[in-house]
Amino acid sequence: MSEEIYKQHILDHYNTPKNKEMLFEADIELPAKNASCGDSYVLYMNIENGCIHEATFSGVGCAISQAAASILTEKVKGMTIEHAQKITEEDVYTMLGVEITIGRQKCALLIYNALQEALESL
């Protein structure tokens, strides 16, 4: 796949993100903020029988952070907690499909870090 297609993939998730909504009766509600750039989200999840039944987010951020939040919340829906805990930073970069510079790593991993923190608390 060409770099241009991957860039379009990011822009598609930025312009029309999946799962960008508040989950009012969430089992987990965890804020995530990147102080260096101002990206700020809240991760919401409902857990049922050891599985992530619902995963959404709200907030604002750059194209990379919002695309990562959209892609990751879509990926973890229906996963067991154990399986979701095995997702790595490299997996997030692969899902994004573009090279992530050192300066953008915090953006790309913002929701991932919140997800891992939330899952560790269960």
N, C-alpha and C. Protein backbone atom coordinates (compact mmCIF):
# COMPACT_ATOMS: atom_id res chain seq x y z
N MET A 1 0.85 -1.17 0.00
CA MET A 1 0.00 0.00 0.00
C MET A 1 0.89 1.24 0.00
N SER A 2 0.52 2.25 -0.73
CA SER A 2 1.36 3.44 -0.84
C SER A 2 1.22 4.33 0.38
N GLU A 3 2.24 5.18 0.58
CA GLU A 3 2.23 6.13 1.69
C GLU A 3 1.01 7.05 1.61
N GLU A 4 0.62 7.43 0.39
CA GLU A 4 -0.53 8.31 0.20
C GLU A 4 -1.83 7.66 0.70
N ILE A 5 -1.99 6.38 0.46
CA ILE A 5 -3.18 5.66 0.93
C ILE A 5 -3.20 5.64 2.46
N TYR A 6 -2.03 5.42 3.07
CA TYR A 6 -1.96 5.43 4.53
C TYR A 6 -2.29 6.81 5.09
N LYS A 7 -1.79 7.85 4.45
CA LYS A 7 -2.11 9.21 4.89
C LYS A 7 -3.61 9.46 4.80
N GLN A 8 -4.23 8.97 3.74
CA GLN A 8 -5.68 9.13 3.59
C GLN A 8 -6.41 8.36 4.70
N HIS A 9 -5.88 7.22 5.07
CA HIS A 9 -6.43 6.40 6.17
C HIS A 9 -6.47 7.23 7.46
N ILE A 10 -5.39 7.94 7.75
CA ILE A 10 -5.34 8.81 8.94
C ILE A 10 -6.37 9.92 8.82
N LEU A 11 -6.41 10.58 7.68
CA LEU A 11 -7.36 11.69 7.49
C LEU A 11 -8.80 11.23 7.56
N ASP A 12 -9.09 10.04 7.05
CA ASP A 12 -10.46 9.50 7.14
C ASP A 12 -10.89 9.34 8.60
N HIS A 13 -9.99 8.80 9.42
CA HIS A 13 -10.32 8.61 10.85
C HIS A 13 -10.35 9.95 11.58
N TYR A 14 -9.62 10.92 11.10
CA TYR A 14 -9.64 12.25 11.71
C TYR A 14 -10.95 12.98 11.36
N ASN A 15 -11.32 12.93 10.10
CA ASN A 15 -12.51 13.65 9.64
C ASN A 15 -13.81 12.96 10.03
N THR A 16 -13.83 11.66 10.07
CA THR A 16 -15.03 10.91 10.45
C THR A 16 -14.63 9.77 11.40
N PRO A 17 -14.28 10.14 12.62
CA PRO A 17 -13.80 9.13 13.57
C PRO A 17 -14.90 8.15 13.97
N LYS A 18 -14.50 6.94 14.20
CA LYS A 18 -15.41 5.93 14.72
C LYS A 18 -15.37 6.01 16.25
N ASN A 19 -16.49 5.77 16.86
CA ASN A 19 -16.59 5.68 18.32
C ASN A 19 -16.33 6.98 19.07
N LYS A 20 -16.43 8.11 18.39
CA LYS A 20 -16.21 9.39 19.08
C LYS A 20 -17.54 9.86 19.65
N GLU A 21 -17.79 9.43 20.88
CA GLU A 21 -19.00 9.81 21.59
C GLU A 21 -18.81 9.50 23.07
N MET A 22 -19.52 10.23 23.89
CA MET A 22 -19.50 9.94 25.32
C MET A 22 -20.32 8.70 25.58
N LEU A 23 -19.89 7.92 26.53
CA LEU A 23 -20.62 6.73 26.95
C LEU A 23 -21.09 7.02 28.38
N PHE A 24 -22.37 7.38 28.50
CA PHE A 24 -22.87 7.93 29.76
C PHE A 24 -22.91 6.93 30.91
N GLU A 25 -23.06 5.67 30.64
CA GLU A 25 -23.11 4.67 31.70
C GLU A 25 -21.89 3.77 31.64
N ALA A 26 -20.72 4.37 31.47
CA ALA A 26 -19.48 3.62 31.29
C ALA A 26 -19.01 3.00 32.60
N ASP A 27 -18.46 1.80 32.48
CA ASP A 27 -17.80 1.15 33.62
C ASP A 27 -16.46 1.83 33.90
N ILE A 28 -15.82 2.29 32.83
CA ILE A 28 -14.52 2.96 32.93
C ILE A 28 -14.61 4.29 32.21
N GLU A 29 -14.15 5.33 32.86
CA GLU A 29 -14.07 6.66 32.27
C GLU A 29 -12.72 7.23 32.68
N LEU A 30 -11.79 7.33 31.74
CA LEU A 30 -10.42 7.69 32.08
C LEU A 30 -9.93 8.84 31.20
N PRO A 31 -9.57 9.97 31.79
CA PRO A 31 -9.03 11.08 30.99
C PRO A 31 -7.61 10.78 30.52
N ALA A 32 -7.28 11.33 29.36
CA ALA A 32 -5.93 11.19 28.80
C ALA A 32 -5.54 12.53 28.20
N LYS A 33 -4.40 13.06 28.62
CA LYS A 33 -3.99 14.38 28.14
C LYS A 33 -2.51 14.36 27.79
N ASN A 34 -2.19 14.97 26.68
CA ASN A 34 -0.81 15.15 26.27
C ASN A 34 -0.47 16.61 26.55
N ALA A 35 0.20 16.86 27.64
CA ALA A 35 0.49 18.22 28.07
C ALA A 35 1.40 18.97 27.10
N SER A 36 2.19 18.24 26.34
CA SER A 36 3.13 18.91 25.44
C SER A 36 2.46 19.50 24.20
N CYS A 37 1.27 18.98 23.83
CA CYS A 37 0.62 19.52 22.63
C CYS A 37 -0.83 19.92 22.85
N GLY A 38 -1.42 19.51 23.95
CA GLY A 38 -2.79 19.90 24.25
C GLY A 38 -3.85 18.89 23.86
N ASP A 39 -3.47 17.78 23.21
CA ASP A 39 -4.45 16.74 22.90
C ASP A 39 -5.07 16.26 24.22
N SER A 40 -6.39 16.13 24.23
CA SER A 40 -7.09 15.77 25.46
C SER A 40 -8.32 14.94 25.13
N TYR A 41 -8.37 13.74 25.69
CA TYR A 41 -9.47 12.81 25.44
C TYR A 41 -9.95 12.20 26.74
N VAL A 42 -11.11 11.59 26.66
CA VAL A 42 -11.61 10.72 27.72
C VAL A 42 -11.93 9.39 27.05
N LEU A 43 -11.42 8.32 27.60
CA LEU A 43 -11.69 6.96 27.13
C LEU A 43 -12.82 6.39 27.97
N TYR A 44 -13.83 5.83 27.32
CA TYR A 44 -14.97 5.20 27.99
C TYR A 44 -15.03 3.73 27.58
N MET A 45 -15.31 2.86 28.54
CA MET A 45 -15.47 1.45 28.21
C MET A 45 -16.53 0.81 29.09
N ASN A 46 -17.23 -0.13 28.50
CA ASN A 46 -18.10 -1.03 29.25
C ASN A 46 -17.52 -2.43 29.13
N ILE A 47 -17.43 -3.09 30.27
CA ILE A 47 -16.86 -4.43 30.34
C ILE A 47 -17.98 -5.39 30.74
N GLU A 48 -18.09 -6.49 30.00
CA GLU A 48 -19.08 -7.53 30.33
C GLU A 48 -18.43 -8.89 30.20
N ASN A 49 -18.49 -9.67 31.26
CA ASN A 49 -17.97 -11.04 31.26
C ASN A 49 -16.53 -11.12 30.77
N GLY A 50 -15.71 -10.20 31.24
CA GLY A 50 -14.29 -10.22 30.88
C GLY A 50 -13.97 -9.73 29.49
N CYS A 51 -14.95 -9.15 28.81
CA CYS A 51 -14.74 -8.63 27.45
C CYS A 51 -15.07 -7.14 27.40
N ILE A 52 -14.41 -6.46 26.48
CA ILE A 52 -14.70 -5.05 26.25
C ILE A 52 -15.91 -5.00 25.34
N HIS A 53 -17.04 -4.68 25.92
CA HIS A 53 -18.29 -4.65 25.16
C HIS A 53 -18.40 -3.37 24.33
N GLU A 54 -17.98 -2.27 24.91
CA GLU A 54 -18.08 -0.97 24.23
C GLU A 54 -16.83 -0.17 24.56
N ALA A 55 -16.31 0.57 23.56
CA ALA A 55 -15.16 1.45 23.76
C ALA A 55 -15.38 2.69 22.91
N THR A 56 -15.38 3.85 23.56
CA THR A 56 -15.57 5.11 22.85
C THR A 56 -14.61 6.15 23.43
N PHE A 57 -14.59 7.31 22.81
CA PHE A 57 -13.76 8.40 23.31
C PHE A 57 -14.42 9.73 22.97
N SER A 58 -14.05 10.75 23.72
CA SER A 58 -14.47 12.12 23.42
C SER A 58 -13.26 13.01 23.63
N GLY A 59 -13.31 14.20 23.04
CA GLY A 59 -12.22 15.14 23.23
C GLY A 59 -11.70 15.67 21.91
N VAL A 60 -10.54 16.32 21.99
CA VAL A 60 -9.95 16.95 20.81
C VAL A 60 -8.46 16.64 20.74
N GLY A 61 -7.97 16.63 19.51
CA GLY A 61 -6.55 16.40 19.32
C GLY A 61 -6.19 16.44 17.85
N CYS A 62 -4.93 16.23 17.59
CA CYS A 62 -4.42 16.27 16.22
C CYS A 62 -4.89 15.05 15.43
N ALA A 63 -4.60 15.05 14.14
CA ALA A 63 -5.04 13.97 13.26
C ALA A 63 -4.49 12.61 13.72
N ILE A 64 -3.24 12.56 14.12
CA ILE A 64 -2.64 11.30 14.54
C ILE A 64 -3.31 10.77 15.80
N SER A 65 -3.49 11.61 16.82
CA SER A 65 -4.07 11.13 18.07
C SER A 65 -5.53 10.72 17.89
N GLN A 66 -6.27 11.48 17.10
CA GLN A 66 -7.68 11.13 16.90
C GLN A 66 -7.82 9.87 16.05
N ALA A 67 -6.98 9.73 15.03
CA ALA A 67 -7.02 8.50 14.23
C ALA A 67 -6.67 7.30 15.09
N ALA A 68 -5.67 7.43 15.94
CA ALA A 68 -5.28 6.33 16.82
C ALA A 68 -6.42 5.97 17.77
N ALA A 69 -7.10 6.97 18.31
CA ALA A 69 -8.23 6.71 19.22
C ALA A 69 -9.36 6.01 18.47
N SER A 70 -9.65 6.45 17.28
CA SER A 70 -10.71 5.85 16.47
C SER A 70 -10.38 4.40 16.14
N ILE A 71 -9.17 4.17 15.66
CA ILE A 71 -8.75 2.82 15.25
C ILE A 71 -8.68 1.89 16.45
N LEU A 72 -8.10 2.35 17.54
CA LEU A 72 -7.92 1.48 18.71
C LEU A 72 -9.24 1.14 19.38
N THR A 73 -10.13 2.10 19.52
CA THR A 73 -11.43 1.77 20.14
C THR A 73 -12.21 0.81 19.27
N GLU A 74 -12.07 0.93 17.97
CA GLU A 74 -12.74 -0.01 17.06
C GLU A 74 -12.15 -1.41 17.22
N LYS A 75 -10.83 -1.49 17.32
CA LYS A 75 -10.15 -2.78 17.42
C LYS A 75 -10.49 -3.54 18.70
N VAL A 76 -10.58 -2.83 19.83
CA VAL A 76 -10.73 -3.55 21.10
C VAL A 76 -12.16 -3.98 21.40
N LYS A 77 -13.13 -3.43 20.70
CA LYS A 77 -14.51 -3.85 20.95
C LYS A 77 -14.66 -5.33 20.70
N GLY A 78 -15.16 -6.03 21.70
CA GLY A 78 -15.35 -7.47 21.59
C GLY A 78 -14.16 -8.30 22.06
N MET A 79 -13.04 -7.66 22.31
CA MET A 79 -11.84 -8.37 22.79
C MET A 79 -11.97 -8.70 24.26
N THR A 80 -11.31 -9.78 24.65
CA THR A 80 -11.19 -10.04 26.08
C THR A 80 -10.20 -9.05 26.67
N ILE A 81 -10.30 -8.83 27.95
CA ILE A 81 -9.36 -7.94 28.63
C ILE A 81 -7.94 -8.46 28.44
N GLU A 82 -7.77 -9.75 28.58
CA GLU A 82 -6.44 -10.37 28.43
C GLU A 82 -5.86 -10.11 27.04
N HIS A 83 -6.67 -10.26 26.02
CA HIS A 83 -6.20 -10.03 24.65
C HIS A 83 -5.86 -8.56 24.43
N ALA A 84 -6.69 -7.66 24.92
CA ALA A 84 -6.45 -6.22 24.76
C ALA A 84 -5.17 -5.79 25.48
N GLN A 85 -4.86 -6.43 26.61
CA GLN A 85 -3.64 -6.10 27.35
C GLN A 85 -2.39 -6.46 26.56
N LYS A 86 -2.51 -7.33 25.58
CA LYS A 86 -1.36 -7.77 24.79
C LYS A 86 -1.08 -6.85 23.59
N ILE A 87 -1.95 -5.88 23.35
CA ILE A 87 -1.69 -4.92 22.28
C ILE A 87 -0.46 -4.10 22.66
N THR A 88 0.43 -3.91 21.72
CA THR A 88 1.69 -3.20 21.99
C THR A 88 1.70 -1.83 21.30
N GLU A 89 2.66 -1.04 21.67
CA GLU A 89 2.85 0.25 21.00
C GLU A 89 3.10 0.04 19.51
N GLU A 90 3.89 -0.97 19.18
CA GLU A 90 4.16 -1.28 17.77
C GLU A 90 2.88 -1.62 17.02
N ASP A 91 1.96 -2.32 17.70
CA ASP A 91 0.67 -2.64 17.07
C ASP A 91 -0.08 -1.35 16.70
N VAL A 92 -0.03 -0.37 17.58
CA VAL A 92 -0.70 0.92 17.31
C VAL A 92 -0.07 1.58 16.09
N TYR A 93 1.25 1.61 16.04
CA TYR A 93 1.93 2.20 14.90
C TYR A 93 1.56 1.48 13.60
N THR A 94 1.49 0.16 13.67
CA THR A 94 1.12 -0.63 12.50
C THR A 94 -0.31 -0.32 12.06
N MET A 95 -1.23 -0.21 13.02
CA MET A 95 -2.62 0.12 12.68
C MET A 95 -2.73 1.49 12.03
N LEU A 96 -1.90 2.43 12.45
CA LEU A 96 -1.93 3.76 11.86
C LEU A 96 -1.38 3.73 10.43
N GLY A 97 -0.39 2.91 10.20
CA GLY A 97 0.10 2.71 8.85
C GLY A 97 1.02 3.77 8.31
N VAL A 98 1.46 4.70 9.13
CA VAL A 98 2.42 5.72 8.69
C VAL A 98 3.57 5.74 9.69
N GLU A 99 4.71 6.22 9.23
CA GLU A 99 5.85 6.32 10.14
C GLU A 99 5.55 7.40 11.17
N ILE A 100 5.71 7.04 12.42
CA ILE A 100 5.45 7.98 13.52
C ILE A 100 6.79 8.49 14.04
N THR A 101 7.02 9.77 13.91
CA THR A 101 8.26 10.36 14.38
C THR A 101 8.28 10.39 15.91
N ILE A 102 9.44 10.56 16.46
CA ILE A 102 9.58 10.61 17.92
C ILE A 102 8.69 11.70 18.51
N GLY A 103 8.61 12.83 17.84
CA GLY A 103 7.80 13.93 18.32
C GLY A 103 6.30 13.66 18.31
N ARG A 104 5.86 12.68 17.53
CA ARG A 104 4.43 12.37 17.43
C ARG A 104 4.04 11.09 18.18
N GLN A 105 5.01 10.43 18.80
CA GLN A 105 4.70 9.19 19.50
C GLN A 105 3.70 9.38 20.64
N LYS A 106 3.84 10.46 21.40
CA LYS A 106 2.89 10.71 22.48
C LYS A 106 1.47 10.89 21.94
N CYS A 107 1.36 11.51 20.78
CA CYS A 107 0.05 11.70 20.14
C CYS A 107 -0.54 10.34 19.76
N ALA A 108 0.27 9.53 19.11
CA ALA A 108 -0.19 8.23 18.63
C ALA A 108 -0.56 7.29 19.77
N LEU A 109 0.09 7.44 20.91
CA LEU A 109 -0.09 6.50 22.01
C LEU A 109 -0.99 7.01 23.14
N LEU A 110 -1.59 8.16 22.97
CA LEU A 110 -2.37 8.76 24.05
C LEU A 110 -3.52 7.85 24.51
N ILE A 111 -4.36 7.41 23.61
CA ILE A 111 -5.47 6.54 24.00
C ILE A 111 -4.97 5.14 24.35
N TYR A 112 -3.93 4.67 23.68
CA TYR A 112 -3.33 3.37 24.01
C TYR A 112 -2.89 3.35 25.47
N ASN A 113 -2.20 4.39 25.90
CA ASN A 113 -1.74 4.45 27.30
C ASN A 113 -2.92 4.48 28.27
N ALA A 114 -3.96 5.21 27.92
CA ALA A 114 -5.16 5.24 28.76
C ALA A 114 -5.81 3.86 28.80
N LEU A 115 -5.86 3.19 27.66
CA LEU A 115 -6.43 1.84 27.60
C LEU A 115 -5.65 0.90 28.51
N GLN A 116 -4.34 0.91 28.41
CA GLN A 116 -3.53 0.01 29.22
C GLN A 116 -3.69 0.32 30.72
N GLU A 117 -3.74 1.60 31.06
CA GLU A 117 -3.95 1.99 32.47
C GLU A 117 -5.32 1.49 32.96
N ALA A 118 -6.33 1.66 32.13
CA ALA A 118 -7.67 1.21 32.52
C ALA A 118 -7.72 -0.29 32.71
N LEU A 119 -7.09 -1.03 31.81
CA LEU A 119 -7.13 -2.49 31.89
C LEU A 119 -6.34 -3.00 33.09
N GLU A 120 -5.26 -2.32 33.45
CA GLU A 120 -4.48 -2.71 34.62
C GLU A 120 -5.27 -2.54 35.90
N SER A 121 -6.23 -1.61 35.90
CA SER A 121 -7.01 -1.34 37.11
C SER A 121 -8.12 -2.36 37.33
N LEU A 122 -8.37 -3.22 36.36
CA LEU A 122 -9.46 -4.21 36.49
C LEU A 122 -9.04 -5.41 37.30
